[in-house]
Amino acid sequence: MGQELQSAIVDHLRRITETAAPPFGEEARASLVEELWRGAGLDVERDAVGNVVAAVPGGDGPRVLVAAHLDTVFAEGTDVRVRSEGERLCAPGIGDNSASLALLTTFLERREAGGARPRLTVAATVGEEGVGDLRGARHLVAERGEACDAFVAIDGHLGTVVAQAVGSRRLEARFRGPGGHSWGDFPSPSAVHAAGSAIHALAGLALPSEPRTSLNVGEVWGGTSINAIAQQAGFNLDLRSLDPTVLDRLDERARAVIAAAARRSGCEVEVVQIGDRPVARADNAWLVACALRALEGVTRHHAVVASSTDANAALAHGIPAIAFGVYRGGDAHRSSEWLETSSLVPGYRALERLLACLAA
């Protein structure tokens, strides 16, 4: 039974992983998931932002919305073919979040008519990664939150329960300068030099360890040629904290640092907010208790942590929510991403037990 179940999950995992879902390009994967869920006997719809949504017949107790995001961080054209390496399967996005979609889909196909589960609505969401800014989860909560007693995001590693939402502020800094010829117009102000100066200054900011806070420049661009002084350049910046006041202050400091670097370099700069995920908590102790109970006997290691997931959207609206991990793997958000094939059946059992617990 275990080997047959693993094979079924892996079949779905390969199809889902190899159907690319770059940021703002989830359509092909959404169509695949819609097809699979219809094949599982569900009446499936697409909502206004592109989420795949279905009510699961039957169930008792709380009304629970279970979501797994469609998108990956990888750009269009990335090679997403799955490779087998011993006990591992490897591909960009194979864990985050293809594995979650594969296990959820397998559960929907194999659900028993009399099996214990809450009153379920399932969703495959768009816009969780990058600058998607949780647009799929936000729309779900706005449209369905009042009819929802709990929200579970299927996302992350087996044994990990996300109980608190980390806030994330995303900024884009756009520098402009006169530019010119690298010899004839030197030392005309360079937008690239201004951006580099700002990044260096940002990296030197002192951040508190409590509450945990982080800063990251994720992408940098600019210039036209090695022998041209850059007229335009920019970067995007991800600021995170467990405290909304600390996050606001870090936002102010970052903007001040960027503006000062532009002035020193003789360039202009525009700083635009491109994302804002809320810091949030809700009364989710009963959900966390169910999650930990579901993990008993499945994995020896578990942790209740804070992170940024689709659950942020629900927590920000006061809806009890968690994110629940269902696979073991590594190198998330890297082209070398991998997962342990042997973790898929335990992850499935943990998901099955979680939903049974929520029906009580």
Foldseek 3Di string as FASTA:
>chain_A
DLVVLLVQLVVQLQVLQQQAAEAVRQVRSLVVLLVLLVVLVWDWDADPVGKIKTWQPDAFDFEEEEEEESHAHDDPPARRHWDDDPQKIWFACSVRPSSLSSLVSSCSNPPDNPAHFHRYMYIHFHQWDDLSQLVRLLVCCVVCVVRGQEYEYAHDAAQEKEAWAKKKWKKKKKKFFPKFFQPPDPPGFAQVQLQVQLVVVLVPDDDDPVQPKDKDFDDKDWDDDPGIRTGMIMTMMMIITLDPVSSVVSVVVSVVSSCVSCVVRVIDMDMDTSYIQDGFHAPQPLLVVLLVVLCVVLDPHHDHHYYHGSQSSSRVVRRHYMYHYQFDWDDHPHRGTMTRSVRNSSSSSSVSSSRSSNSD
